[in-house]
Amino acid sequence: MPVPKRKTGRAVVRMRRAHDALVNPAQSECPQCHQPKLPHHVCPSCGYYKGKEVVETD
């Protein structure tokens, strides 16, 4: 089985892990109710998508 010849240094590990941070998903504003929503999704608060009511909400 292959084994590393040298120990991986702290700087190399940290540079590799620099891209592993979690990021929040992008949010846009609903044009109907002005609440935050995910892009290209039905608004969870009012049920509108592209100016039309798709899901009936109370």
PDB file of N, CA and C in Angstrom:
ATOM      1  N   MET A   1       0.831  -1.179   0.000  1.00  0.00           N
ATOM      2  CA  MET A   1       0.000   0.000   0.000  1.00  0.00           C
ATOM      3  C   MET A   1       0.878   1.246   0.000  1.00  0.00           C
ATOM      4  N   PRO A   2       0.549   2.258  -0.821  1.00  0.00           N
ATOM      5  CA  PRO A   2       1.395   3.445  -0.858  1.00  0.00           C
ATOM      6  C   PRO A   2       1.275   4.260   0.428  1.00  0.00           C
ATOM      7  N   VAL A   3       2.384   4.810   0.833  1.00  0.00           N
ATOM      8  CA  VAL A   3       2.451   5.614   2.054  1.00  0.00           C
ATOM      9  C   VAL A   3       3.129   6.931   1.701  1.00  0.00           C
ATOM     10  N   PRO A   4       2.675   8.064   2.247  1.00  0.00           N
ATOM     11  CA  PRO A   4       3.327   9.339   1.960  1.00  0.00           C
ATOM     12  C   PRO A   4       4.775   9.338   2.421  1.00  0.00           C
ATOM     13  N   LYS A   5       5.634   9.926   1.615  1.00  0.00           N
ATOM     14  CA  LYS A   5       7.051   9.957   1.961  1.00  0.00           C
ATOM     15  C   LYS A   5       7.344  10.992   3.045  1.00  0.00           C
ATOM     16  N   ARG A   6       6.620  12.130   3.003  1.00  0.00           N
ATOM     17  CA  ARG A   6       6.824  13.195   3.970  1.00  0.00           C
ATOM     18  C   ARG A   6       5.479  13.593   4.588  1.00  0.00           C
ATOM     19  N   LYS A   7       5.545  14.167   5.772  1.00  0.00           N
ATOM     20  CA  LYS A   7       4.350  14.675   6.432  1.00  0.00           C
ATOM     21  C   LYS A   7       3.858  15.921   5.682  1.00  0.00           C
ATOM     22  N   THR A   8       2.540  16.027   5.496  1.00  0.00           N
ATOM     23  CA  THR A   8       1.960  17.205   4.864  1.00  0.00           C
ATOM     24  C   THR A   8       2.006  18.350   5.863  1.00  0.00           C
ATOM     25  N   GLY A   9       2.578  19.468   5.453  1.00  0.00           N
ATOM     26  CA  GLY A   9       2.744  20.614   6.343  1.00  0.00           C
ATOM     27  C   GLY A   9       1.435  21.314   6.663  1.00  0.00           C
ATOM     28  N   ARG A  10       1.459  22.086   7.735  1.00  0.00           N
ATOM     29  CA  ARG A  10       0.280  22.811   8.193  1.00  0.00           C
ATOM     30  C   ARG A  10      -0.183  23.819   7.144  1.00  0.00           C
ATOM     31  N   ALA A  11       0.743  24.499   6.497  1.00  0.00           N
ATOM     32  CA  ALA A  11       0.378  25.509   5.504  1.00  0.00           C
ATOM     33  C   ALA A  11      -0.316  24.873   4.297  1.00  0.00           C
ATOM     34  N   VAL A  12       0.159  23.727   3.873  1.00  0.00           N
ATOM     35  CA  VAL A  12      -0.437  23.047   2.712  1.00  0.00           C
ATOM     36  C   VAL A  12      -1.856  22.607   3.046  1.00  0.00           C
ATOM     37  N   VAL A  13      -2.046  22.068   4.238  1.00  0.00           N
ATOM     38  CA  VAL A  13      -3.378  21.616   4.650  1.00  0.00           C
ATOM     39  C   VAL A  13      -4.328  22.805   4.737  1.00  0.00           C
ATOM     40  N   ARG A  14      -3.873  23.908   5.315  1.00  0.00           N
ATOM     41  CA  ARG A  14      -4.735  25.077   5.475  1.00  0.00           C
ATOM     42  C   ARG A  14      -5.057  25.738   4.146  1.00  0.00           C
ATOM     43  N   MET A  15      -4.115  25.737   3.204  1.00  0.00           N
ATOM     44  CA  MET A  15      -4.407  26.279   1.868  1.00  0.00           C
ATOM     45  C   MET A  15      -5.454  25.425   1.163  1.00  0.00           C
ATOM     46  N   ARG A  16      -5.367  24.125   1.317  1.00  0.00           N
ATOM     47  CA  ARG A  16      -6.331  23.233   0.690  1.00  0.00           C
ATOM     48  C   ARG A  16      -7.710  23.425   1.308  1.00  0.00           C
ATOM     49  N   ARG A  17      -7.772  23.631   2.598  1.00  0.00           N
ATOM     50  CA  ARG A  17      -9.048  23.763   3.295  1.00  0.00           C
ATOM     51  C   ARG A  17      -9.624  25.173   3.234  1.00  0.00           C
ATOM     52  N   ALA A  18      -8.941  26.091   2.598  1.00  0.00           N
ATOM     53  CA  ALA A  18      -9.416  27.466   2.522  1.00  0.00           C
ATOM     54  C   ALA A  18     -10.727  27.568   1.744  1.00  0.00           C
ATOM     55  N   HIS A  19     -11.029  26.613   0.881  1.00  0.00           N
ATOM     56  CA  HIS A  19     -12.231  26.639   0.054  1.00  0.00           C
ATOM     57  C   HIS A  19     -13.358  25.812   0.647  1.00  0.00           C
ATOM     58  N   ASP A  20     -13.192  25.277   1.849  1.00  0.00           N
ATOM     59  CA  ASP A  20     -14.204  24.409   2.451  1.00  0.00           C
ATOM     60  C   ASP A  20     -15.203  25.147   3.323  1.00  0.00           C
ATOM     61  N   ALA A  21     -15.126  26.456   3.410  1.00  0.00           N
ATOM     62  CA  ALA A  21     -16.027  27.216   4.276  1.00  0.00           C
ATOM     63  C   ALA A  21     -17.455  27.148   3.750  1.00  0.00           C
ATOM     64  N   LEU A  22     -18.418  27.124   4.659  1.00  0.00           N
ATOM     65  CA  LEU A  22     -19.826  27.101   4.290  1.00  0.00           C
ATOM     66  C   LEU A  22     -20.282  28.518   3.925  1.00  0.00           C
ATOM     67  N   VAL A  23     -21.106  28.621   2.905  1.00  0.00           N
ATOM     68  CA  VAL A  23     -21.643  29.915   2.500  1.00  0.00           C
ATOM     69  C   VAL A  23     -23.174  29.832   2.518  1.00  0.00           C
ATOM     70  N   ASN A  24     -23.813  30.935   2.820  1.00  0.00           N
ATOM     71  CA  ASN A  24     -25.266  30.979   2.826  1.00  0.00           C
ATOM     72  C   ASN A  24     -25.786  30.949   1.388  1.00  0.00           C
ATOM     73  N   PRO A  25     -26.940  30.307   1.162  1.00  0.00           N
ATOM     74  CA  PRO A  25     -27.491  30.309  -0.187  1.00  0.00           C
ATOM     75  C   PRO A  25     -27.925  31.714  -0.594  1.00  0.00           C
ATOM     76  N   ALA A  26     -27.865  31.991  -1.891  1.00  0.00           N
ATOM     77  CA  ALA A  26     -28.250  33.304  -2.402  1.00  0.00           C
ATOM     78  C   ALA A  26     -29.743  33.506  -2.188  1.00  0.00           C
ATOM     79  N   GLN A  27     -30.122  34.733  -1.860  1.00  0.00           N
ATOM     80  CA  GLN A  27     -31.528  35.056  -1.672  1.00  0.00           C
ATOM     81  C   GLN A  27     -31.867  36.294  -2.479  1.00  0.00           C
ATOM     82  N   SER A  28     -33.090  36.303  -2.996  1.00  0.00           N
ATOM     83  CA  SER A  28     -33.578  37.476  -3.708  1.00  0.00           C
ATOM     84  C   SER A  28     -34.875  37.931  -3.040  1.00  0.00           C
ATOM     85  N   GLU A  29     -35.342  39.100  -3.436  1.00  0.00           N
ATOM     86  CA  GLU A  29     -36.550  39.652  -2.834  1.00  0.00           C
ATOM     87  C   GLU A  29     -37.752  39.328  -3.699  1.00  0.00           C
ATOM     88  N   CYS A  30     -38.825  38.871  -3.069  1.00  0.00           N
ATOM     89  CA  CYS A  30     -40.063  38.573  -3.794  1.00  0.00           C
ATOM     90  C   CYS A  30     -40.687  39.888  -4.250  1.00  0.00           C
ATOM     91  N   PRO A  31     -41.029  40.026  -5.536  1.00  0.00           N
ATOM     92  CA  PRO A  31     -41.614  41.285  -6.007  1.00  0.00           C
ATOM     93  C   PRO A  31     -43.033  41.525  -5.481  1.00  0.00           C
ATOM     94  N   GLN A  32     -43.721  40.474  -5.027  1.00  0.00           N
ATOM     95  CA  GLN A  32     -45.092  40.623  -4.528  1.00  0.00           C
ATOM     96  C   GLN A  32     -45.126  41.068  -3.068  1.00  0.00           C
ATOM     97  N   CYS A  33     -44.446  40.302  -2.185  1.00  0.00           N
ATOM     98  CA  CYS A  33     -44.539  40.565  -0.743  1.00  0.00           C
ATOM     99  C   CYS A  33     -43.247  41.116  -0.156  1.00  0.00           C
ATOM    100  N   HIS A  34     -42.186  41.206  -0.949  1.00  0.00           N
ATOM    101  CA  HIS A  34     -40.888  41.763  -0.544  1.00  0.00           C
ATOM    102  C   HIS A  34     -40.229  40.982   0.593  1.00  0.00           C
ATOM    103  N   GLN A  35     -40.490  39.693   0.666  1.00  0.00           N
ATOM    104  CA  GLN A  35     -39.842  38.814   1.631  1.00  0.00           C
ATOM    105  C   GLN A  35     -38.681  38.111   0.936  1.00  0.00           C
ATOM    106  N   PRO A  36     -37.640  37.709   1.676  1.00  0.00           N
ATOM    107  CA  PRO A  36     -36.534  36.987   1.034  1.00  0.00           C
ATOM    108  C   PRO A  36     -36.967  35.593   0.589  1.00  0.00           C
ATOM    109  N   LYS A  37     -36.498  35.193  -0.589  1.00  0.00           N
ATOM    110  CA  LYS A  37     -36.812  33.866  -1.125  1.00  0.00           C
ATOM    111  C   LYS A  37     -35.635  33.380  -1.946  1.00  0.00           C
ATOM    112  N   LEU A  38     -35.583  32.080  -2.205  1.00  0.00           N
ATOM    113  CA  LEU A  38     -34.538  31.514  -3.044  1.00  0.00           C
ATOM    114  C   LEU A  38     -34.820  31.847  -4.503  1.00  0.00           C
ATOM    115  N   PRO A  39     -33.791  32.169  -5.293  1.00  0.00           N
ATOM    116  CA  PRO A  39     -34.021  32.458  -6.706  1.00  0.00           C
ATOM    117  C   PRO A  39     -34.568  31.239  -7.448  1.00  0.00           C
ATOM    118  N   HIS A  40     -35.472  31.456  -8.380  1.00  0.00           N
ATOM    119  CA  HIS A  40     -36.075  30.411  -9.211  1.00  0.00           C
ATOM    120  C   HIS A  40     -36.899  29.433  -8.387  1.00  0.00           C
ATOM    121  N   HIS A  41     -37.459  29.900  -7.267  1.00  0.00           N
ATOM    122  CA  HIS A  41     -38.333  29.086  -6.431  1.00  0.00           C
ATOM    123  C   HIS A  41     -39.607  29.873  -6.140  1.00  0.00           C
ATOM    124  N   VAL A  42     -40.670  29.146  -5.795  1.00  0.00           N
ATOM    125  CA  VAL A  42     -41.917  29.779  -5.396  1.00  0.00           C
ATOM    126  C   VAL A  42     -41.701  30.449  -4.039  1.00  0.00           C
ATOM    127  N   CYS A  43     -42.257  31.633  -3.876  1.00  0.00           N
ATOM    128  CA  CYS A  43     -42.120  32.352  -2.609  1.00  0.00           C
ATOM    129  C   CYS A  43     -42.880  31.590  -1.528  1.00  0.00           C
ATOM    130  N   PRO A  44     -42.232  31.233  -0.411  1.00  0.00           N
ATOM    131  CA  PRO A  44     -42.923  30.459   0.625  1.00  0.00           C
ATOM    132  C   PRO A  44     -43.962  31.272   1.387  1.00  0.00           C
ATOM    133  N   SER A  45     -43.868  32.603   1.383  1.00  0.00           N
ATOM    134  CA  SER A  45     -44.814  33.398   2.168  1.00  0.00           C
ATOM    135  C   SER A  45     -46.086  33.748   1.396  1.00  0.00           C
ATOM    136  N   CYS A  46     -45.968  34.037   0.092  1.00  0.00           N
ATOM    137  CA  CYS A  46     -47.167  34.426  -0.661  1.00  0.00           C
ATOM    138  C   CYS A  46     -47.562  33.410  -1.734  1.00  0.00           C
ATOM    139  N   GLY A  47     -46.669  32.520  -2.148  1.00  0.00           N
ATOM    140  CA  GLY A  47     -47.006  31.487  -3.124  1.00  0.00           C
ATOM    141  C   GLY A  47     -46.935  31.938  -4.570  1.00  0.00           C
ATOM    142  N   TYR A  48     -46.306  33.067  -4.849  1.00  0.00           N
ATOM    143  CA  TYR A  48     -46.207  33.580  -6.217  1.00  0.00           C
ATOM    144  C   TYR A  48     -44.889  33.164  -6.867  1.00  0.00           C
ATOM    145  N   TYR A  49     -44.933  32.973  -8.180  1.00  0.00           N
ATOM    146  CA  TYR A  49     -43.739  32.717  -8.980  1.00  0.00           C
ATOM    147  C   TYR A  49     -43.949  33.365 -10.333  1.00  0.00           C
ATOM    148  N   LYS A  50     -43.040  34.247 -10.721  1.00  0.00           N
ATOM    149  CA  LYS A  50     -43.097  34.993 -11.975  1.00  0.00           C
ATOM    150  C   LYS A  50     -44.428  35.745 -12.144  1.00  0.00           C
ATOM    151  N   GLY A  51     -44.901  36.363 -11.075  1.00  0.00           N
ATOM    152  CA  GLY A  51     -46.102  37.180 -11.138  1.00  0.00           C
ATOM    153  C   GLY A  51     -47.399  36.424 -11.115  1.00  0.00           C
ATOM    154  N   LYS A  52     -47.375  35.092 -10.999  1.00  0.00           N
ATOM    155  CA  LYS A  52     -48.601  34.300 -10.969  1.00  0.00           C
ATOM    156  C   LYS A  52     -48.656  33.520  -9.660  1.00  0.00           C
ATOM    157  N   GLU A  53     -49.869  33.374  -9.109  1.00  0.00           N
ATOM    158  CA  GLU A  53     -50.018  32.580  -7.891  1.00  0.00           C
ATOM    159  C   GLU A  53     -49.994  31.103  -8.274  1.00  0.00           C
ATOM    160  N   VAL A  54     -48.994  30.394  -7.761  1.00  0.00           N
ATOM    161  CA  VAL A  54     -48.806  28.987  -8.098  1.00  0.00           C
ATOM    162  C   VAL A  54     -49.273  28.102  -6.956  1.00  0.00           C
ATOM    163  N   VAL A  55     -48.989  28.526  -5.731  1.00  0.00           N
ATOM    164  CA  VAL A  55     -49.358  27.768  -4.541  1.00  0.00           C
ATOM    165  C   VAL A  55     -50.298  28.624  -3.711  1.00  0.00           C
ATOM    166  N   GLU A  56     -51.420  28.044  -3.315  1.00  0.00           N
ATOM    167  CA  GLU A  56     -52.372  28.791  -2.507  1.00  0.00           C
ATOM    168  C   GLU A  56     -51.912  28.800  -1.053  1.00  0.00           C
ATOM    169  N   THR A  57     -51.805  29.992  -0.461  1.00  0.00           N
ATOM    170  CA  THR A  57     -51.406  30.132   0.934  1.00  0.00           C
ATOM    171  C   THR A  57     -52.484  30.854   1.705  1.00  0.00           C
ATOM    172  N   ASP A  58     -52.483  30.667   3.007  1.00  0.00           N
ATOM    173  CA  ASP A  58     -53.474  31.323   3.861  1.00  0.00           C
ATOM    174  C   ASP A  58     -53.067  32.714   4.251  1.00  0.00           C
TER     175      ASP A  58
END
